[in-house]
Protein backbone atom coordinates (compact mmCIF):
# COMPACT_ATOMS: atom_id res chain seq x y z
CA MET A 1 142.13 116.26 98.90
CA GLN A 2 142.68 115.16 102.49
CA ASN A 3 145.03 117.46 104.35
CA ASP A 4 148.15 116.02 106.04
CA ASP A 5 147.63 115.58 109.78
CA GLN A 6 144.48 117.69 109.59
CA PHE A 7 140.81 117.05 110.11
CA PHE A 8 139.60 119.15 107.19
CA ASN A 9 139.49 118.61 103.44
CA ILE A 10 140.16 120.93 100.51
CA ARG A 11 138.07 120.31 97.41
CA ALA A 12 136.74 122.07 94.32
CA GLY A 13 133.86 124.36 95.19
CA GLN A 14 130.41 123.82 93.74
CA LEU A 15 127.41 126.06 93.21
CA ALA A 16 125.83 124.64 96.39
CA ASP A 17 128.86 125.89 98.38
CA LEU A 18 128.28 129.57 97.59
CA ASP A 19 125.64 130.16 100.26
CA PRO A 20 127.68 128.48 103.06
CA CYS A 21 130.70 130.56 101.97
CA LEU A 22 128.68 133.76 102.30
CA ARG A 23 127.57 132.76 105.81
CA LEU A 24 131.11 132.30 107.20
CA ASP A 25 132.19 134.62 110.01
CA SER A 26 134.72 136.58 107.97
CA ASP A 27 135.25 139.45 110.41
CA HIS A 28 138.80 139.98 111.61
CA GLN A 29 140.69 141.35 114.59
CA SER A 30 143.99 143.12 114.33
CA GLU A 31 146.58 144.63 116.66
CA MET A 32 148.59 146.00 113.73
CA VAL A 33 147.55 147.94 110.65
CA TRP A 34 149.45 149.37 107.72
CA GLN A 35 149.24 153.14 107.78
CA MET A 36 149.73 154.93 104.46
CA TYR A 37 151.76 158.13 104.13
CA ARG A 38 151.76 160.11 100.92
CA SER A 39 153.33 163.39 99.87
CA ASP A 40 151.45 165.85 97.67
CA GLU A 41 151.41 164.94 94.01
CA SER A 42 153.44 167.23 91.76
CA LEU A 43 155.23 167.18 88.44
CA LEU A 44 158.14 165.56 90.26
CA GLY A 45 155.95 162.65 91.32
CA VAL A 46 154.42 161.41 94.51
CA GLU A 47 155.99 159.51 97.34
CA THR A 48 153.93 156.89 99.13
CA PHE A 49 154.97 154.50 101.84
CA PHE A 50 153.34 152.23 104.39
CA ARG A 51 154.34 151.64 107.97
CA ALA A 52 153.07 148.96 110.32
CA VAL A 53 151.51 150.60 113.35
CA ARG A 54 150.59 148.82 116.57
CA LEU A 55 147.14 149.84 117.74
CA PRO A 56 146.46 150.74 121.38
CA ARG A 57 143.80 148.02 121.47
CA VAL A 58 142.61 145.21 119.25
CA ALA A 59 140.50 146.56 116.40
CA GLU A 60 137.72 144.61 114.79
CA GLY A 61 136.95 144.83 111.10
CA SER A 62 134.49 143.35 108.70
CA TYR A 63 135.10 141.69 105.37
CA PRO A 64 135.58 144.46 102.79
CA ARG A 65 133.24 143.01 100.18
CA GLU A 66 129.48 143.11 100.32
CA GLN A 67 127.66 139.82 99.80
CA GLU A 68 126.39 140.67 96.30
CA GLU A 69 129.92 141.64 95.21
CA LEU A 70 131.43 138.50 96.73
CA LEU A 71 128.79 136.29 95.13
CA ALA A 72 129.42 137.83 91.69
CA ASN A 73 133.17 137.46 92.27
CA LEU A 74 132.88 133.75 93.15
CA HIS A 75 130.83 133.07 90.00
CA GLN A 76 133.72 134.46 87.89
CA GLN A 77 136.52 132.43 89.47
CA ASP A 78 138.59 130.09 87.31
CA CYS A 79 139.49 128.10 90.43
CA PHE A 80 137.13 127.98 93.42
CA LEU A 81 138.17 125.84 96.40
CA VAL A 82 136.51 125.18 99.74
CA ALA A 83 137.77 123.77 103.02
CA THR A 84 135.29 121.45 104.72
CA VAL A 85 134.95 119.38 107.88
CA SER A 86 132.77 116.34 108.43
CA GLU A 87 130.09 116.49 111.06
CA GLU A 88 128.22 113.62 112.66
CA ALA A 89 125.01 112.55 110.97
CA THR A 90 121.81 112.82 112.99
CA SER A 91 120.86 109.19 112.34
CA HIS A 92 122.83 106.00 111.66
CA ASP A 93 121.41 105.74 108.14
CA GLU A 94 122.78 109.10 106.99
CA GLN A 95 126.21 109.91 105.61
CA PRO A 96 128.33 112.36 107.64
CA LEU A 97 127.48 115.96 106.85
CA GLU A 98 130.04 118.27 105.35
CA ARG A 99 130.41 121.87 106.57
CA VAL A 100 132.27 124.62 104.70
CA ILE A 101 134.81 126.38 106.96
CA GLY A 102 136.78 128.37 104.38
CA PHE A 103 137.23 129.18 100.71
CA THR A 104 139.48 130.79 98.17
CA GLY A 105 139.18 131.68 94.55
CA LEU A 106 141.51 132.60 91.75
CA HIS A 107 140.86 134.54 88.57
CA GLU A 108 143.38 133.94 85.78
CA GLN A 109 144.97 136.77 83.91
CA ARG A 110 146.49 134.47 81.34
CA TRP A 111 148.24 137.12 79.25
CA GLN A 112 150.22 138.09 82.37
CA HIS A 113 150.66 134.47 83.55
CA THR A 114 149.12 135.66 86.81
CA GLY A 115 146.46 134.38 89.17
CA TRP A 116 144.54 136.98 91.15
CA VAL A 117 143.57 135.59 94.57
CA GLN A 118 140.93 138.00 95.82
CA ASN A 119 139.61 135.91 98.68
CA ILE A 120 141.12 133.63 101.26
CA VAL A 121 138.43 133.41 103.89
CA VAL A 122 138.42 131.12 106.92
CA ASP A 123 135.59 131.09 109.43
CA GLN A 124 136.75 132.84 112.58
CA ALA A 125 136.25 129.70 114.72
CA TRP A 126 138.67 127.75 112.47
CA ARG A 127 141.54 130.21 112.15
CA ARG A 128 145.13 129.41 113.18
CA ARG A 129 144.64 125.71 112.45
CA GLY A 130 146.29 125.63 109.02
CA VAL A 131 143.10 126.03 106.98
CA GLY A 132 144.19 129.27 105.26
CA THR A 133 147.63 127.86 104.49
CA ALA A 134 146.11 124.68 103.07
CA LEU A 135 143.74 126.70 100.88
CA PHE A 136 146.64 128.82 99.66
CA ARG A 137 148.81 125.79 98.88
CA ALA A 138 145.96 124.14 96.98
CA VAL A 139 145.26 127.23 94.86
CA ALA A 140 149.01 127.64 94.21
CA THR A 141 149.21 124.00 93.08
CA TRP A 142 146.29 124.60 90.72
CA ALA A 143 147.99 127.76 89.36
CA ARG A 144 151.26 125.88 88.72
CA GLY A 145 149.28 123.29 86.77
CA GLU A 146 147.93 126.13 84.62
CA ARG A 147 151.52 127.35 84.06
CA LEU A 148 150.97 130.63 85.87
CA HIS A 149 154.12 132.38 87.12
CA ARG A 150 152.80 134.37 90.05
CA LEU A 151 149.85 135.00 92.34
CA ILE A 152 148.62 138.40 93.48
CA LEU A 153 147.05 138.49 96.94
CA GLU A 154 145.10 141.42 98.35
CA ALA A 155 144.06 142.70 101.75
CA PRO A 156 142.79 145.92 103.30
CA THR A 157 145.45 147.91 105.19
CA LYS A 158 143.29 147.49 108.31
CA ASN A 159 143.70 143.70 108.28
CA GLY A 160 147.13 143.27 109.84
CA SER A 161 146.46 139.56 110.37
CA ALA A 162 146.02 138.96 106.62
CA ILE A 163 149.13 141.00 105.84
CA SER A 164 151.14 138.95 108.36
CA PHE A 165 149.71 135.78 106.84
CA PHE A 166 150.87 136.85 103.36
CA HIS A 167 154.36 137.63 104.67
CA GLY A 168 154.45 134.21 106.33
CA LEU A 169 153.69 132.60 102.97
CA GLY A 170 156.69 134.37 101.45
CA ALA A 171 154.70 136.95 99.47
CA THR A 172 156.15 140.44 98.98
CA PHE A 173 154.45 143.83 98.80
CA CYS A 174 153.94 144.96 95.20
CA GLY A 175 151.42 147.83 95.24
CA PHE A 176 148.25 149.40 96.53
CA ASN A 177 144.98 150.95 95.39
CA ASP A 178 143.41 153.79 97.33
CA ARG A 179 139.65 153.27 97.98
CA TYR A 180 139.71 149.90 96.24
CA TYR A 181 137.00 148.21 98.27
CA THR A 182 133.33 149.22 98.20
CA ASN A 183 133.62 150.29 101.85
CA GLY A 184 136.38 152.77 100.90
CA ASP A 185 139.30 150.83 102.40
CA ILE A 186 142.76 150.90 100.83
CA ALA A 187 143.95 147.59 99.36
CA VAL A 188 147.56 146.45 99.50
CA PHE A 189 148.77 143.83 97.05
CA PHE A 190 151.36 141.10 97.52
CA GLU A 191 153.11 138.97 94.92
CA TYR A 192 153.88 135.30 95.37
CA ARG A 193 156.23 133.78 92.77
CA LEU A 194 155.33 130.25 91.74
């Protein structure tokens, strides 16, 4: 699908898109992180809360999934979408080349009427141009067509930019998992009602 006023396209991902997706610059920079505070667990329960903390300098982080894990994850997606841009062909006889600049995937949990969006990745050079929002809107449209009621989005607490992005979409915090990612990072989860 051609994006309104944009110079990129969103389309269904194919097997040939997996390698370009893995090569995207998925590192992130953040001035804010969510810091977790937790009381000791007892018979009375445990209290956990998160607070946004401004860092003294911009912190850089890497994508929390290793390539093998991401590749396995993409193979299991019920909906796999990529954002692409056209590049000039090297000769007049060739068609314009297509380059992947972002992707997202959704795994259905049909019994809960929920779509689990584990990845919204945009190449660093293409961020803040509407690519992530377009990917999200396209996966949400697909989910509505499947009669899902909500989407769950995830991000590491160290990725303040992703958390801000989710808030901007209208998603609300709905939980966390300590040491969720293979690198040991905490994941925070957000719910988006369809």
